[in-house]
């Protein structure tokens, strides 16, 4: 069965009234190894020029970026033959009199829109902050750069004397920092909602010059949490960025979508056998160390260095970081037709005529109007 897919994208700025722009090109990336987690660049038509007066320096400007994939099937040749059996060429021509090539396509195209259908059309919205706007008046275009909510926290630095963040529980402390920038904490793992804030120790101290993102990371990492902002603009503090889903991508067969695959193993790109964390406060340096468990003793150790500004459990933090970077040295890069259901953290299986490889989706980048995506898998085996 042949399948057609049509890809669309649009962006709407949350202004009064809302401003929708005509998108010429779009690159949208979700990457577990990036902060902010989600980043996008777009080139849009300048239109009436109203976008030129939108100033991301004057106010926080948010936008909704929507990507859509419409799926359908095409009639088999035998279906068309039966449809026009006994008719003349003139009859066929008359069916499409005054029509366009699109009308011909639609005549043999059947949209998959029913709820629950395995090939139902995809819609996905991303709430992102406008970070940069560049107007090219000669070309009649405006370039926009957008990012997820972590970027807003970069703009909030503490300028007073060092301050102990208030709150009765760990969650209270995290939410107090987020609230300054208009965010809430949607989910938090483990006992953070009830554990008293004193267990955070000196990580609750907001130092002059530290950004809101830095102090959040400082507190979260001390309890082995990973902080991030999702596509809806909601913040989370979890032990893992994994999802319960596993996606299959194929380079052969009727459902193939992958057009190229590049596997890489490198000692110079992401390969570490240990993590060392260094804490320095008031002139006192503390170190933590974590190695990959179960590995035989080797005469070499490739150490990933990390520096942290407040004391905590250094060994636990080192292990937390080790779990995030393990398996990065072996990666698989795929180029495929865009699938907007894929999310970093998903399990991923690549099936080709040469066999299959399994791993975790670490990053996905969608490009429009090319309608293709680049997928990076880590922990490949």
Protein backbone atom coordinates (compact mmCIF):
# COMPACT_ATOMS: atom_id res chain seq x y z
CA UNK A 1 0.00 0.00 0.00
CA UNK A 2 1.41 3.38 -1.01
CA UNK A 3 1.18 6.23 1.48
CA UNK A 4 1.11 9.98 0.94
CA UNK A 5 2.10 12.48 3.58
CA UNK A 6 1.73 16.25 3.59
CA UNK A 7 3.65 18.35 6.13
CA UNK A 8 2.62 21.79 7.36
CA UNK A 9 3.93 24.26 9.91
CA UNK A 10 2.71 27.53 11.36
CA UNK A 11 3.72 29.95 14.09
CA UNK A 12 1.47 32.22 16.12
CA UNK A 13 2.89 34.90 18.42
CA UNK A 14 0.96 35.33 21.66
CA UNK A 15 0.19 39.01 21.16
CA UNK A 16 -3.03 41.00 21.39
CA UNK A 17 -4.35 40.22 18.84
CA UNK A 18 -2.37 37.02 18.04
CA UNK A 19 0.01 37.36 15.09
CA UNK A 20 0.39 34.47 12.65
CA UNK A 21 3.31 34.48 10.23
CA UNK A 22 3.84 32.73 6.92
CA UNK A 23 6.72 30.27 7.42
CA UNK A 24 9.26 29.84 4.62
CA UNK A 25 11.65 27.46 6.36
CA UNK A 26 11.82 25.87 9.80
CA UNK A 27 14.36 23.91 11.82
CA UNK A 28 13.06 22.54 15.13
CA UNK A 29 15.32 20.57 17.48
CA UNK A 30 14.75 18.65 20.71
CA UNK A 31 18.03 17.50 22.25
CA UNK A 32 18.63 15.90 25.65
CA UNK A 33 22.19 17.24 25.60
CA UNK A 34 21.12 20.86 25.07
CA UNK A 35 19.90 23.57 27.39
CA UNK A 36 17.38 24.85 26.42
CA UNK A 37 15.95 21.42 25.57
CA UNK A 38 13.96 22.73 22.58
CA UNK A 39 15.30 25.26 20.07
CA UNK A 40 13.90 26.48 16.76
CA UNK A 41 14.90 28.79 13.93
CA UNK A 42 12.43 30.01 11.34
CA UNK A 43 12.46 32.21 8.28
CA UNK A 44 9.11 33.90 7.73
CA UNK A 45 7.66 36.30 5.20
CA UNK A 46 7.85 39.91 6.39
CA UNK A 47 4.30 40.50 5.19
CA UNK A 48 2.89 43.87 6.23
CA UNK A 49 5.98 44.51 8.37
CA UNK A 50 4.14 44.42 11.70
CA UNK A 51 6.54 41.75 12.98
CA UNK A 52 9.38 44.29 12.70
CA UNK A 53 7.84 46.19 15.63
CA UNK A 54 7.76 43.12 17.88
CA UNK A 55 10.67 43.60 20.28
CA UNK A 56 11.88 40.55 22.28
CA UNK A 57 14.03 42.91 24.37
CA UNK A 58 11.06 44.93 25.61
CA UNK A 59 8.92 42.08 26.89
CA UNK A 60 8.64 38.30 27.21
CA UNK A 61 7.11 37.15 23.93
CA UNK A 62 5.86 33.59 23.63
CA UNK A 63 4.77 31.75 20.53
CA UNK A 64 3.03 28.53 19.57
CA UNK A 65 4.81 26.60 16.85
CA UNK A 66 2.61 23.92 15.28
CA UNK A 67 3.86 21.07 13.11
CA UNK A 68 1.44 18.79 11.31
CA UNK A 69 1.68 15.65 9.22
CA UNK A 70 -1.34 14.53 7.18
CA UNK A 71 -1.33 10.91 6.11
CA UNK A 72 -3.30 9.07 3.46
CA UNK A 73 -3.22 6.09 1.11
CA UNK A 74 -3.26 5.96 -2.68
CA UNK A 75 -5.51 3.68 -4.74
CA UNK A 76 -3.82 0.75 -6.42
CA UNK A 77 -3.63 0.80 -10.22
CA UNK A 78 -6.24 -1.97 -10.31
CA UNK A 79 -8.66 0.24 -8.37
CA UNK A 80 -8.29 2.97 -10.97
CA UNK A 81 -8.75 0.49 -13.81
CA UNK A 82 -12.02 -0.75 -12.33
CA UNK A 83 -13.19 2.81 -11.72
CA UNK A 84 -12.87 3.74 -15.40
CA UNK A 85 -13.69 0.34 -16.95
CA UNK A 86 -15.74 0.77 -20.12
CA UNK A 87 -15.16 4.52 -20.26
CA UNK A 88 -13.36 6.50 -22.91
CA UNK A 89 -10.43 8.87 -22.45
CA UNK A 90 -12.92 11.68 -22.92
CA UNK A 91 -14.89 10.43 -19.91
CA UNK A 92 -11.75 10.49 -17.77
CA UNK A 93 -10.88 13.98 -19.01
CA UNK A 94 -14.41 15.18 -18.28
CA UNK A 95 -14.10 14.00 -14.67
CA UNK A 96 -11.29 16.49 -14.13
CA UNK A 97 -12.42 19.28 -16.44
CA UNK A 98 -11.24 22.62 -15.09
CA UNK A 99 -9.34 20.88 -12.29
CA UNK A 100 -5.71 20.94 -11.25
CA UNK A 101 -3.10 18.28 -10.56
CA UNK A 102 -4.11 18.54 -6.92
CA UNK A 103 -7.66 17.52 -7.85
CA UNK A 104 -6.30 14.44 -9.60
CA UNK A 105 -4.25 13.54 -6.54
CA UNK A 106 -7.19 14.01 -4.18
CA UNK A 107 -9.33 11.74 -6.36
CA UNK A 108 -7.13 8.76 -5.47
CA UNK A 109 -6.18 9.90 -1.96
CA UNK A 110 -7.92 8.79 1.23
CA UNK A 111 -7.20 10.71 4.43
CA UNK A 112 -6.51 8.79 7.64
CA UNK A 113 -8.28 10.93 10.21
CA UNK A 114 -10.32 8.45 12.21
CA UNK A 115 -9.46 8.40 15.96
CA UNK A 116 -7.41 5.36 16.88
CA UNK A 117 -6.24 4.68 13.34
CA UNK A 118 -2.59 3.50 13.38
CA UNK A 119 -1.72 6.06 10.71
CA UNK A 120 -3.78 8.94 12.01
CA UNK A 121 -2.51 12.40 11.13
CA UNK A 122 -0.12 14.02 13.61
CA UNK A 123 -0.39 17.45 15.23
CA UNK A 124 2.11 18.78 17.76
CA UNK A 125 2.35 22.19 19.41
CA UNK A 126 5.44 23.75 20.98
CA UNK A 127 5.24 26.72 23.34
CA UNK A 128 8.51 28.60 22.90
CA UNK A 129 9.97 31.96 23.85
CA UNK A 130 11.08 34.41 21.17
CA UNK A 131 14.79 35.02 21.75
CA UNK A 132 15.93 36.74 18.58
CA UNK A 133 14.34 38.56 15.64
CA UNK A 134 16.24 39.67 12.53
CA UNK A 135 14.50 41.61 9.75
CA UNK A 136 15.89 41.54 6.20
CA UNK A 137 13.92 44.23 4.40
CA UNK A 138 15.55 43.63 1.02
CA UNK A 139 14.67 39.94 1.07
CA UNK A 140 11.30 40.62 2.69
CA UNK A 141 11.91 38.06 5.44
CA UNK A 142 12.23 37.90 9.20
CA UNK A 143 14.36 35.29 10.97
CA UNK A 144 13.18 34.12 14.38
CA UNK A 145 15.01 32.13 17.05
CA UNK A 146 12.93 30.50 19.78
CA UNK A 147 13.63 28.27 22.76
CA UNK A 148 11.88 26.40 25.57
CA UNK A 149 11.39 27.84 29.05
CA UNK A 150 14.91 27.22 30.35
CA UNK A 151 15.99 30.21 28.26
CA UNK A 152 13.77 32.53 30.32
CA UNK A 153 15.57 31.43 33.49
CA UNK A 154 18.88 32.54 31.96
CA UNK A 155 17.48 36.09 32.09
CA UNK A 156 16.86 36.03 35.86
CA UNK A 157 20.12 36.57 37.75
CA UNK A 158 20.33 37.30 41.48
CA UNK A 159 21.75 40.77 42.12
CA UNK A 160 21.43 41.15 45.91
CA UNK A 161 23.49 39.58 48.70
CA UNK A 162 23.47 35.80 48.93
CA UNK A 163 20.00 34.58 49.84
CA UNK A 164 18.60 31.36 51.27
CA UNK A 165 15.67 30.30 49.12
CA UNK A 166 12.50 30.00 51.24
CA UNK A 167 10.27 26.94 51.44
CA UNK A 168 9.29 24.15 53.78
CA UNK A 169 9.98 21.34 51.28
CA UNK A 170 12.28 20.73 48.32
CA UNK A 171 9.35 21.30 45.99
CA UNK A 172 8.58 24.63 47.66
CA UNK A 173 12.14 25.83 47.00
CA UNK A 174 12.11 24.78 43.35
CA UNK A 175 8.71 26.37 42.77
CA UNK A 176 9.76 29.63 44.45
CA UNK A 177 12.54 30.10 41.89
CA UNK A 178 10.34 29.09 38.94
CA UNK A 179 7.52 31.42 40.03
CA UNK A 180 9.80 34.45 39.64
CA UNK A 181 9.74 33.80 35.89
CA UNK A 182 6.09 32.80 35.71
CA UNK A 183 6.50 29.01 35.69
CA UNK A 184 5.16 26.15 37.80
CA UNK A 185 6.61 22.75 38.60
CA UNK A 186 4.32 20.18 37.00
CA UNK A 187 5.93 16.95 38.16
CA UNK A 188 8.61 16.07 40.68
CA UNK A 189 9.89 12.58 41.41
CA UNK A 190 10.37 10.72 44.65
CA UNK A 191 9.95 12.43 48.00
CA UNK A 192 10.66 16.01 46.95
CA UNK A 193 7.08 17.17 47.71
CA UNK A 194 7.45 16.15 51.37
CA UNK A 195 11.17 16.12 52.15
CA UNK A 196 12.12 19.16 54.27
CA UNK A 197 14.12 21.84 52.52
CA UNK A 198 16.99 21.66 55.02
CA UNK A 199 18.24 18.48 53.27
CA UNK A 200 19.30 20.73 50.38
CA UNK A 201 21.98 22.24 52.60
CA UNK A 202 23.93 25.11 51.07
CA UNK A 203 22.49 24.41 47.61
CA UNK A 204 19.55 26.63 48.72
CA UNK A 205 21.85 29.64 48.82
CA UNK A 206 21.43 31.86 45.76
CA UNK A 207 24.72 33.59 45.11
CA UNK A 208 24.99 37.07 43.53
CA UNK A 209 25.33 36.73 39.77
CA UNK A 210 23.89 33.21 39.64
CA UNK A 211 20.99 32.75 37.23
CA UNK A 212 17.72 31.13 38.18
CA UNK A 213 18.65 28.16 35.99
CA UNK A 214 21.97 27.71 37.79
CA UNK A 215 20.47 27.73 41.28
CA UNK A 216 17.68 25.37 40.19
CA UNK A 217 20.25 22.96 38.80
CA UNK A 218 22.27 23.33 41.98
CA UNK A 219 19.34 22.25 44.16
CA UNK A 220 18.01 19.60 41.81
CA UNK A 221 21.34 17.90 41.18
CA UNK A 222 22.01 17.65 44.91
CA UNK A 223 19.04 15.25 45.09
CA UNK A 224 19.79 13.58 41.72
CA UNK A 225 16.94 15.32 39.89
CA UNK A 226 17.04 16.38 36.25
CA UNK A 227 15.31 19.72 35.60
CA UNK A 228 13.86 20.51 32.18
CA UNK A 229 11.03 22.32 30.43
CA UNK A 230 8.78 20.40 28.04
CA UNK A 231 7.09 21.52 24.82
CA UNK A 232 4.04 22.80 26.73
CA UNK A 233 6.14 25.17 28.84
CA UNK A 234 5.92 22.99 31.97
CA UNK A 235 8.90 22.24 34.20
CA UNK A 236 9.74 18.82 35.60
CA UNK A 237 12.19 17.43 38.16
CA UNK A 238 12.64 13.72 37.53
CA UNK A 239 15.28 11.07 38.02
CA UNK A 240 15.24 10.16 34.32
CA UNK A 241 14.39 11.74 30.96
CA UNK A 242 13.24 8.40 29.54
CA UNK A 243 9.72 7.80 28.20
CA UNK A 244 7.71 4.55 28.16
CA UNK A 245 7.58 4.51 24.36
CA UNK A 246 9.68 2.64 21.81
CA UNK A 247 9.66 3.83 18.21
CA UNK A 248 10.59 1.70 15.20
CA UNK A 249 12.27 3.21 12.15
CA UNK A 250 12.83 1.15 9.00
CA UNK A 251 14.93 1.53 5.87
CA UNK A 252 13.21 -1.32 4.00
CA UNK A 253 9.71 -2.61 3.47
CA UNK A 254 6.39 -0.90 2.83
CA UNK A 255 6.61 1.25 5.97
CA UNK A 256 10.19 2.40 5.42
CA UNK A 257 10.99 6.02 6.22
CA UNK A 258 14.78 6.06 6.80
CA UNK A 259 16.86 7.17 3.81
CA UNK A 260 20.32 7.08 5.42
CA UNK A 261 22.00 5.71 8.54
CA UNK A 262 25.48 6.46 9.90
CA UNK A 263 26.85 4.52 12.88
CA UNK A 264 29.74 5.99 14.87
CA UNK A 265 32.02 4.80 17.69
CA UNK A 266 34.47 7.34 19.04
CA UNK A 267 36.87 7.73 21.94
CA UNK A 268 36.91 11.48 21.29
CA UNK A 269 33.18 12.14 21.15
CA UNK A 270 31.32 11.20 24.30
CA UNK A 271 33.45 8.31 25.56
CA UNK A 272 34.07 8.35 29.31
CA UNK A 273 34.61 5.59 31.85
CA UNK A 274 34.29 7.77 34.94
CA UNK A 275 32.96 11.10 36.24
CA UNK A 276 34.73 13.39 38.68
CA UNK A 277 32.79 16.17 40.40
CA UNK A 278 34.57 19.07 42.09
CA UNK A 279 32.88 21.30 44.69
CA UNK A 280 34.53 24.49 45.88
CA UNK A 281 33.03 26.73 48.55
CA UNK A 282 34.71 29.10 50.99
CA UNK A 283 38.08 27.88 49.81
CA UNK A 284 37.31 24.22 50.56
CA UNK A 285 37.39 21.75 47.67
CA UNK A 286 35.50 18.45 47.76
CA UNK A 287 35.65 15.75 45.09
CA UNK A 288 33.31 12.98 44.05
CA UNK A 289 34.00 10.05 41.76
CA UNK A 290 31.89 7.48 39.90
CA UNK A 291 32.94 4.69 37.53
CA UNK A 292 30.96 2.39 35.27
CA UNK A 293 29.89 -0.60 37.40
CA UNK A 294 30.56 -4.14 36.24
CA UNK A 295 33.45 -3.24 33.97
CA UNK A 296 36.79 -5.04 34.40
CA UNK A 297 39.64 -3.04 35.90
CA UNK A 298 41.49 -1.21 33.14
CA UNK A 299 44.79 0.57 33.10
CA UNK A 300 43.12 3.65 31.58
CA UNK A 301 40.30 5.89 32.75
CA UNK A 302 38.68 8.60 30.68
CA UNK A 303 37.23 11.09 33.17
CA UNK A 304 34.38 13.50 32.56
CA UNK A 305 35.05 16.62 34.69
CA UNK A 306 32.23 18.61 36.30
CA UNK A 307 32.44 21.60 38.62
CA UNK A 308 29.68 22.52 41.05
CA UNK A 309 29.29 25.60 43.19
CA UNK A 310 27.84 24.21 46.41
CA UNK A 311 28.61 21.11 48.47
CA UNK A 312 26.34 18.08 48.38
CA UNK A 313 26.93 14.34 48.09
CA UNK A 314 29.70 14.40 45.49
CA UNK A 315 29.71 10.66 44.80
CA UNK A 316 25.94 10.57 44.25
CA UNK A 317 26.11 13.54 41.90
CA UNK A 318 28.97 11.95 39.97
CA UNK A 319 26.89 8.80 39.54
CA UNK A 320 23.91 10.89 38.40
CA UNK A 321 26.02 12.51 35.69
CA UNK A 322 27.59 9.19 34.71
CA UNK A 323 24.17 7.70 34.04
CA UNK A 324 23.37 10.61 31.72
CA UNK A 325 26.51 10.33 29.62
CA UNK A 326 26.98 6.55 29.54
CA UNK A 327 26.70 5.13 26.05
CA UNK A 328 27.25 8.41 24.22
CA UNK A 329 30.38 7.15 22.47
CA UNK A 330 28.40 4.81 20.23
CA UNK A 331 25.77 6.66 18.25
CA UNK A 332 23.56 6.20 15.22
CA UNK A 333 22.49 9.12 13.04
CA UNK A 334 19.38 8.58 10.92
CA UNK A 335 17.88 10.70 8.15
CA UNK A 336 14.20 9.95 7.69
CA UNK A 337 10.82 11.32 6.68
CA UNK A 338 9.56 13.54 9.50
CA UNK A 339 7.64 11.78 12.26
CA UNK A 340 6.39 14.26 14.85
CA UNK A 341 5.57 11.60 17.43
CA UNK A 342 9.26 10.92 18.13
CA UNK A 343 10.63 12.47 21.33
CA UNK A 344 14.11 12.37 22.88
CA UNK A 345 14.01 9.82 25.69
CA UNK A 346 12.00 7.36 23.61
CA UNK A 347 13.44 3.93 23.03
CA UNK A 348 14.29 3.50 19.35
CA UNK A 349 14.81 0.49 17.10
CA UNK A 350 16.31 0.83 13.63
CA UNK A 351 15.55 -2.05 11.26
CA UNK A 352 17.45 -2.44 7.99
CA UNK A 353 18.22 -5.32 5.60
CA UNK A 354 21.50 -5.77 7.50
CA UNK A 355 19.78 -6.29 10.85
CA UNK A 356 18.48 -4.16 13.70
CA UNK A 357 20.01 -1.78 16.24
CA UNK A 358 18.34 -0.61 19.45
CA UNK A 359 19.08 2.42 21.58
CA UNK A 360 17.59 5.61 22.94
CA UNK A 361 16.59 8.67 20.97
CA UNK A 362 18.87 11.45 22.19
CA UNK A 363 17.92 14.17 19.72
CA UNK A 364 15.58 14.81 16.82
CA UNK A 365 15.61 17.72 14.39
CA UNK A 366 12.73 18.37 11.99
CA UNK A 367 13.32 20.41 8.85
CA UNK A 368 10.58 22.01 6.77
CA UNK A 369 9.80 22.23 3.84
CA UNK A 370 12.24 19.33 3.27
CA UNK A 371 9.87 17.22 5.44
CA UNK A 372 12.81 15.26 6.81
CA UNK A 373 14.19 14.65 10.27
CA UNK A 374 17.62 13.88 11.66
CA UNK A 375 17.58 11.45 14.58
CA UNK A 376 20.49 10.77 16.93
CA UNK A 377 20.39 7.53 18.87
CA UNK A 378 22.70 6.87 21.84
CA UNK A 379 23.39 3.71 23.86
CA UNK A 380 23.24 1.77 20.60
CA UNK A 381 23.57 -2.00 20.76
